Protein backbone atom coordinates (compact mmCIF):
# COMPACT_ATOMS: atom_id res chain seq x y z
CA MET A 1 108.64 87.05 119.22
CA GLY A 2 107.69 87.60 115.94
CA LYS A 3 106.07 91.13 114.57
CA THR A 4 103.27 90.96 111.61
CA ASP A 5 101.05 93.36 110.32
CA THR A 6 97.99 91.41 108.90
CA HIS A 7 96.08 93.74 107.33
CA ILE A 8 97.83 96.46 105.13
CA HIS A 9 96.41 98.04 102.10
CA THR A 10 98.17 99.60 98.63
CA TYR A 11 96.93 101.21 95.85
CA TYR A 12 95.68 98.37 94.48
CA SER A 13 93.18 98.92 97.01
CA GLY A 14 90.63 100.55 94.34
CA TYR A 15 88.43 103.71 94.35
CA ASN A 16 85.58 103.23 97.30
CA THR A 17 85.93 105.38 99.80
CA LYS A 18 82.90 108.42 99.95
CA VAL A 19 82.95 111.71 101.76
CA GLY A 20 79.90 112.96 101.26
CA ALA A 21 79.51 113.90 97.31
CA LEU A 22 83.13 113.48 96.74
CA ARG A 23 84.84 109.93 96.02
CA PHE A 24 88.33 109.00 96.98
CA PRO A 25 91.21 106.36 96.24
CA GLU A 26 91.51 103.57 99.04
CA SER A 27 95.25 104.49 98.88
CA VAL A 28 97.88 105.85 96.78
CA ILE A 29 100.86 103.76 98.71
CA ASP A 30 102.62 101.62 96.28
CA PRO A 31 103.63 97.83 97.73
CA SER A 32 107.42 98.55 97.29
CA VAL A 33 106.55 101.77 99.81
CA GLN A 34 105.04 99.23 102.36
CA VAL A 35 107.61 96.61 102.35
CA ASP A 36 109.82 99.30 103.02
CA ASN A 37 108.20 100.97 105.61
CA ALA A 38 107.08 97.88 107.59
CA ARG A 39 110.82 97.00 107.62
CA ARG A 40 112.10 99.94 109.33
CA ASN A 41 109.27 99.13 111.60
CA GLY A 42 110.96 95.97 112.33
CA VAL A 43 108.25 93.99 110.77
CA ASN A 44 109.39 90.52 109.73
CA VAL A 45 105.79 89.44 108.03
CA LEU A 46 103.71 91.94 106.23
CA CYS A 47 100.35 90.76 104.76
CA ILE A 48 98.95 92.87 101.94
CA THR A 49 95.37 92.69 101.82
CA ASP A 50 93.80 94.88 99.21
CA HIS A 51 90.08 95.13 98.79
CA ASN A 52 89.15 92.59 96.48
CA GLU A 53 92.51 92.46 94.67
CA VAL A 54 95.99 89.97 95.01
CA GLU A 55 97.95 91.56 92.81
CA GLY A 56 99.34 94.21 95.37
CA GLY A 57 100.29 90.95 97.16
CA PHE A 58 102.14 89.67 94.68
CA VAL A 59 103.99 93.13 93.47
CA ALA A 60 105.33 93.57 97.42
CA GLU A 61 105.98 89.60 97.88
CA ARG A 62 108.28 89.73 94.74
CA TYR A 63 110.37 93.10 95.74
CA ALA A 64 110.92 92.11 99.22
CA LYS A 65 112.71 88.64 98.06
CA GLN A 66 115.64 90.99 97.55
CA PHE A 67 115.64 91.44 101.56
CA ASP A 68 116.35 88.55 104.16
CA ASP A 69 114.71 90.46 106.99
CA ILE A 70 110.91 90.40 105.95
CA GLU A 71 108.50 87.94 104.21
CA VAL A 72 105.22 89.07 102.53
CA VAL A 73 101.99 87.03 102.61
CA VAL A 74 99.62 87.75 100.07
CA GLY A 75 96.02 88.05 100.85
CA ASP A 76 92.36 90.09 100.28
CA GLU A 77 90.14 91.70 102.19
CA VAL A 78 87.01 90.52 100.39
CA MET A 79 83.71 92.13 100.60
CA THR A 80 80.93 89.26 101.05
CA ASP A 81 77.30 89.70 101.03
CA GLN A 82 77.61 90.05 104.44
CA GLY A 83 81.03 91.93 105.49
CA GLU A 84 84.35 91.64 104.75
CA VAL A 85 86.40 88.85 105.80
CA ILE A 86 90.52 88.49 104.85
CA GLY A 87 92.09 85.64 103.21
CA LEU A 88 96.00 85.05 103.64
CA TRP A 89 98.38 82.86 101.41
CA LEU A 90 96.04 83.56 98.72
CA THR A 91 97.26 82.24 95.08
CA GLU A 92 94.51 84.25 93.50
CA LYS A 93 91.58 86.66 94.32
CA PRO A 94 88.34 85.38 95.35
CA LYS A 95 85.05 86.29 93.80
CA LYS A 96 83.20 89.31 95.79
CA PHE A 97 79.42 89.43 96.73
CA LEU A 98 79.19 85.55 97.46
CA THR A 99 78.12 84.24 100.97
CA PRO A 100 80.39 84.38 103.88
CA GLU A 101 80.58 80.51 104.02
CA GLU A 102 81.27 80.26 100.06
CA THR A 103 84.30 83.33 100.40
CA VAL A 104 85.75 80.97 103.48
CA ASP A 105 85.60 77.76 101.39
CA ILE A 106 87.54 79.33 98.27
CA ILE A 107 89.99 80.78 100.87
CA HIS A 108 90.35 77.36 102.40
CA GLU A 109 90.59 75.79 99.04
CA GLN A 110 93.60 77.80 98.12
CA GLY A 111 95.25 76.70 101.04
CA GLY A 112 94.22 80.18 102.72
CA LEU A 113 93.63 81.20 106.07
CA ALA A 114 90.75 83.20 107.11
CA ILE A 115 90.55 85.96 109.11
CA ALA A 116 87.44 88.49 110.30
CA PRO A 117 88.56 92.08 110.28
CA HIS A 118 86.89 94.76 112.79
CA PRO A 119 84.18 91.93 113.09
CA PHE A 120 81.73 94.52 115.41
CA SER A 121 82.53 97.54 113.89
CA VAL A 122 80.34 100.20 113.79
CA HIS A 123 80.99 102.26 111.09
CA VAL A 124 82.35 99.90 108.51
CA ASP A 125 81.30 96.08 106.85
CA GLY A 126 82.28 93.82 110.14
CA MET A 127 80.57 90.25 109.72
CA GLN A 128 78.80 90.50 113.28
CA GLU A 129 78.25 87.67 115.35
CA LYS A 130 78.21 85.65 111.36
CA ILE A 131 81.70 84.76 112.45
CA PHE A 132 80.54 82.44 115.31
CA GLU A 133 78.67 80.14 112.64
CA LEU A 134 82.06 80.45 109.91
CA PRO A 135 85.06 77.88 110.45
CA ILE A 136 87.32 80.90 110.49
CA GLU A 137 90.78 80.82 112.12
CA GLY A 138 90.76 84.33 113.74
CA PHE A 139 89.35 87.60 114.09
CA GLU A 140 90.87 91.07 114.82
CA VAL A 141 90.47 92.44 118.47
CA ILE A 142 92.43 95.35 117.53
CA ASN A 143 91.96 97.16 113.93
CA GLY A 144 93.93 100.00 113.80
CA GLY A 145 91.61 102.22 112.04
CA HIS A 146 88.98 102.00 114.76
CA PRO A 147 89.77 104.86 117.53
CA ASP A 148 86.19 104.47 119.19
CA PRO A 149 85.85 102.67 122.49
CA TYR A 150 83.44 100.01 121.04
CA SER A 151 84.58 97.77 118.24
CA ASN A 152 87.81 96.68 119.48
CA PHE A 153 86.47 96.69 123.22
CA PHE A 154 83.88 94.31 122.55
CA ALA A 155 85.97 91.54 120.10
CA LYS A 156 88.67 91.55 122.87
CA ARG A 157 85.94 90.86 125.30
CA VAL A 158 84.31 87.62 122.79
CA MET A 159 88.30 86.45 122.52
CA ASP A 160 88.54 86.69 126.50
CA LEU A 161 85.84 84.70 127.04
CA TYR A 162 86.61 81.68 124.51
CA PRO A 163 90.74 81.23 124.80
CA GLY A 164 92.25 79.03 122.41
CA ARG A 165 88.52 79.09 120.14
CA TRP A 166 90.08 81.74 117.53
CA ALA A 167 93.36 83.26 116.67
CA GLU A 168 93.83 86.95 117.60
CA THR A 169 95.29 89.30 115.44
CA SER A 170 96.20 93.29 115.77
CA GLY A 171 95.95 94.39 112.35
CA SER A 172 96.58 98.11 111.19
CA ASP A 173 94.11 98.58 108.30
CA ALA A 174 96.68 101.17 107.24
CA HIS A 175 96.05 102.75 103.85
CA SER A 176 98.96 104.79 104.33
CA ILE A 177 102.17 104.53 106.15
CA CYS A 178 101.19 107.56 108.20
CA THR A 179 98.81 105.08 110.12
CA THR A 180 101.24 101.72 110.60
CA ASN A 181 103.20 100.56 113.61
CA TYR A 182 100.41 101.38 115.95
CA ASN A 183 99.12 97.98 116.44
CA TRP A 184 100.78 94.40 115.38
CA THR A 185 100.30 91.17 116.07
CA GLU A 186 103.25 89.21 117.44
CA PHE A 187 103.82 85.51 117.14
CA PRO A 188 106.36 82.58 118.16
CA GLY A 189 108.82 82.65 115.62
CA THR A 190 110.07 85.34 112.58
CA THR A 191 108.82 83.56 109.45
CA ALA A 192 105.56 83.50 107.33
CA GLU A 193 105.58 79.68 108.09
CA ASP A 194 105.68 80.30 111.77
CA LEU A 195 103.05 82.93 111.68
CA ARG A 196 100.89 80.56 109.78
CA LYS A 197 101.43 77.80 112.18
CA ALA A 198 100.89 80.55 115.48
CA ILE A 199 97.49 81.15 113.77
CA ILE A 200 96.20 77.70 113.55
CA ASN A 201 97.58 76.69 117.00
CA LYS A 202 96.05 80.19 118.16
CA THR A 203 98.95 81.67 119.50
CA THR A 204 99.33 85.25 118.00
CA VAL A 205 98.67 88.04 120.38
CA GLY A 206 97.07 91.39 119.78
CA LYS A 207 99.42 94.41 120.42
CA GLY A 208 99.45 98.11 120.39
CA VAL A 209 96.38 100.70 120.05
CA PRO A 210 94.71 102.39 117.15
CA ALA A 211 96.26 104.96 115.04
CA PRO A 212 95.07 108.34 116.06
CA VAL A 213 92.64 110.48 114.31
CA MET A 214 95.60 112.89 112.96
CA GLY A 215 96.75 109.64 111.31
CA GLN A 216 93.90 109.37 109.52
CA PHE A 217 93.38 112.95 108.91
CA GLN A 218 96.78 112.83 107.18
CA TRP A 219 95.69 109.47 105.27
CA SER A 220 92.63 111.63 103.74
CA TYR A 221 94.88 114.24 102.86
CA GLU A 222 97.29 111.98 101.00
CA VAL A 223 94.75 110.28 98.83
CA VAL A 224 93.05 113.52 97.92
CA TRP A 225 96.60 114.84 96.69
CA GLY A 226 97.48 111.11 94.99
CA GLY A 227 93.98 111.09 93.21
CA GLN A 228 94.33 114.50 91.61
CA LYS A 229 97.75 113.62 90.70
CA LEU A 230 96.81 110.71 88.58
CA MET A 231 93.89 112.65 86.94
CA TYR A 232 96.31 114.99 86.18
CA GLN A 233 98.39 112.55 84.52
CA ALA A 234 95.40 111.15 82.74
CA LEU A 235 94.60 114.11 81.36
CA ARG A 236 98.16 114.48 80.29
CA ARG A 237 98.03 111.05 78.52
CA LYS A 238 101.03 110.18 80.43
CA LEU A 239 99.43 107.76 82.85
CA GLU A 240 99.72 104.09 81.75
CA PRO A 241 97.50 100.91 82.98
CA VAL A 242 98.82 99.05 85.79
CA PRO A 243 97.04 94.96 85.73
CA GLY A 244 94.74 94.78 88.82
CA ASN A 245 95.39 98.32 89.36
CA GLU A 246 92.02 99.61 89.74
CA LEU A 247 92.68 103.08 90.32
CA ILE A 248 94.71 103.75 87.83
CA ALA A 249 92.05 101.93 85.69
CA LYS A 250 89.17 104.18 86.73
CA CYS A 251 91.39 107.64 86.11
CA LEU A 252 91.80 106.08 82.30
CA ARG A 253 88.34 105.55 82.23
CA ASN A 254 87.21 108.76 83.33
CA THR A 255 86.17 111.51 80.30
CA ASP A 256 88.49 114.11 80.56
CA MET A 257 85.34 116.52 82.20
CA LYS A 258 85.34 114.05 84.71
CA ASN A 259 88.87 114.19 85.61
CA VAL A 260 88.94 117.97 85.49
CA THR A 261 86.13 117.96 88.38
CA GLY A 262 87.62 115.47 90.18
CA ILE A 263 90.79 117.70 90.53
CA ILE A 264 88.78 121.19 91.15
CA MET A 265 86.58 118.94 93.74
CA GLY A 266 89.87 117.77 95.41
CA PHE A 267 91.28 121.20 96.11
CA VAL A 268 87.28 122.00 97.67
CA TYR A 269 88.87 119.30 100.10
CA ASP A 270 92.10 120.89 100.31
CA VAL A 271 91.00 124.29 101.35
CA PRO A 272 92.42 124.70 105.18
CA PHE A 273 90.36 122.73 107.95
CA THR A 274 87.98 121.38 105.19
CA GLY A 275 89.84 117.87 105.82
CA MET A 276 90.19 118.60 109.25
CA LEU A 277 86.26 119.26 109.78
CA ALA A 278 85.46 116.14 108.13
CA THR A 279 87.65 114.22 110.06
CA LEU A 280 86.12 115.79 113.80
CA ILE A 281 82.69 115.29 112.07
CA SER A 282 83.60 111.66 111.57
CA THR A 283 85.22 110.88 115.04
CA ALA A 284 82.33 112.46 116.59
CA THR A 285 79.91 110.43 114.71
CA LEU A 286 81.76 107.11 115.74
CA LYS A 287 81.78 108.15 119.10
CA ARG A 288 77.97 108.63 119.39
CA ARG A 289 77.40 105.29 117.69
CA ALA A 290 79.95 103.31 120.21
CA LYS A 291 78.43 105.17 123.07
CA LYS A 292 74.76 103.88 122.12
CA ALA A 293 76.17 100.34 121.43
CA LEU A 294 78.35 100.49 124.90
CA LYS A 295 74.80 100.47 126.97
CA GLN A 296 73.88 97.45 125.23
CA ILE A 297 77.26 95.50 125.55
CA ASP A 298 76.32 93.01 128.34
CA GLU A 299 72.68 92.05 126.71
CA ARG A 300 74.81 91.90 123.38
CA ILE A 301 77.72 89.34 125.40
CA ALA A 302 74.68 87.39 126.43
CA LYS A 303 73.26 87.09 123.25
CA VAL A 304 76.51 86.02 122.20
CA GLN A 305 77.11 83.08 125.07
CA LYS A 306 73.85 82.04 123.98
CA LEU A 307 74.38 81.59 120.30
CA ILE A 308 77.65 80.00 120.65
CA ALA A 309 76.14 77.23 123.21
CA GLU A 310 73.56 76.61 120.55
CA ILE A 311 76.40 76.22 117.74
CA ASP A 312 78.27 74.11 119.71
CA SER A 313 75.05 72.35 120.70
CA LYS A 314 74.90 71.17 116.95
CA LYS A 315 78.22 70.41 116.39
CA PHE A 316 78.16 68.07 119.64
CA LEU A 317 75.22 66.58 117.83
CA ALA A 318 76.83 66.03 114.45
CA LEU A 319 79.87 64.69 116.02
CA THR A 320 78.42 62.02 118.38
CA GLY A 321 74.72 61.70 117.66
CA LYS A 322 73.41 62.91 120.88
CA ASP A 323 71.41 66.20 121.19
CA VAL A 324 72.30 67.58 124.85
CA GLY A 325 70.73 71.12 123.87
CA PRO A 326 73.03 74.32 124.32
CA LEU A 327 76.09 73.23 125.75
CA LYS A 328 76.81 75.11 129.07
CA GLU A 329 77.23 72.44 131.17
CA ALA A 330 78.33 69.78 128.59
CA ALA A 331 80.92 72.09 127.16
CA ALA A 332 82.63 71.97 130.26
CA GLU A 333 83.00 67.92 130.36
CA VAL A 334 83.31 67.26 126.81
CA GLU A 335 86.17 69.01 124.37
CA LEU A 336 85.02 69.06 121.15
CA PRO A 337 87.44 67.97 118.59
CA ARG A 338 89.50 70.60 116.57
CA VAL A 339 89.06 70.33 112.89
CA ILE A 340 92.21 71.77 111.23
CA THR A 341 92.27 71.25 107.43
CA HIS A 342 95.79 72.93 106.75
């Protein structure tokens, strides 16, 4: 079985993370560093999925060509107007803030595959039940950035209720090498083409567990220091623009005063225990949200089953011209043709 990480970020992901009044980079990791780290971890196929950007994937792909033990898939974690969707095997970045339907269509038009990241997240932009209406190839049953007891658990429960309907993936969602290799996806074969076939044929298997809270804490300090260094370089006029790198572009756009302020605020976060306190507070908040969601899990599962039955009923009507209502009984007797456009 091959090993892949289907959800990895680099410093091409931009400058979107906010903690109160502070604003931090998503990542300060060079694409080549993610490739080197993946090779050390025995990853055969690495999917670079920066936020609303594909350039980091192309950089990593070019870098990886010198090695014979790893391939890179160019991807993009695209923000739609109803949550995020990952496109893999892309040739250019899709526009952000389109509808999920439009975004998935664009991914497929490029010959790509669509995966829903953290679909049932209690704290980031997952598409929730919207994924059932979309022709996506799969969704994450394990997201490495979700240590809460609900998000991954619910995703896995839905996947297990409908075996063979979607490909299951497990992506680290790592913005740092500190949070990689805790979870991954296994697939028959070892090449990028093998992975593509496995996603289409629904033979992937999600493995591992979310990254520990300490890993997220390390990542937060990493991006603070990295951001400070870039702002300092910008102040000294020693920071050069890099195509597609929004993080560097923002530091260059900032006024000197803004960069100085950013460096000072970074030191506020760097004060011993401040980062740890912020991490503990966010973790406690996640657990509270997850605990509340767990109380309603059976009710939500029942709603999901009803929704999928209604969706299948409409598909059945479109294919056969027969209106059988929700396909609770009919689904057991009639197998709907699976349309694959790739």
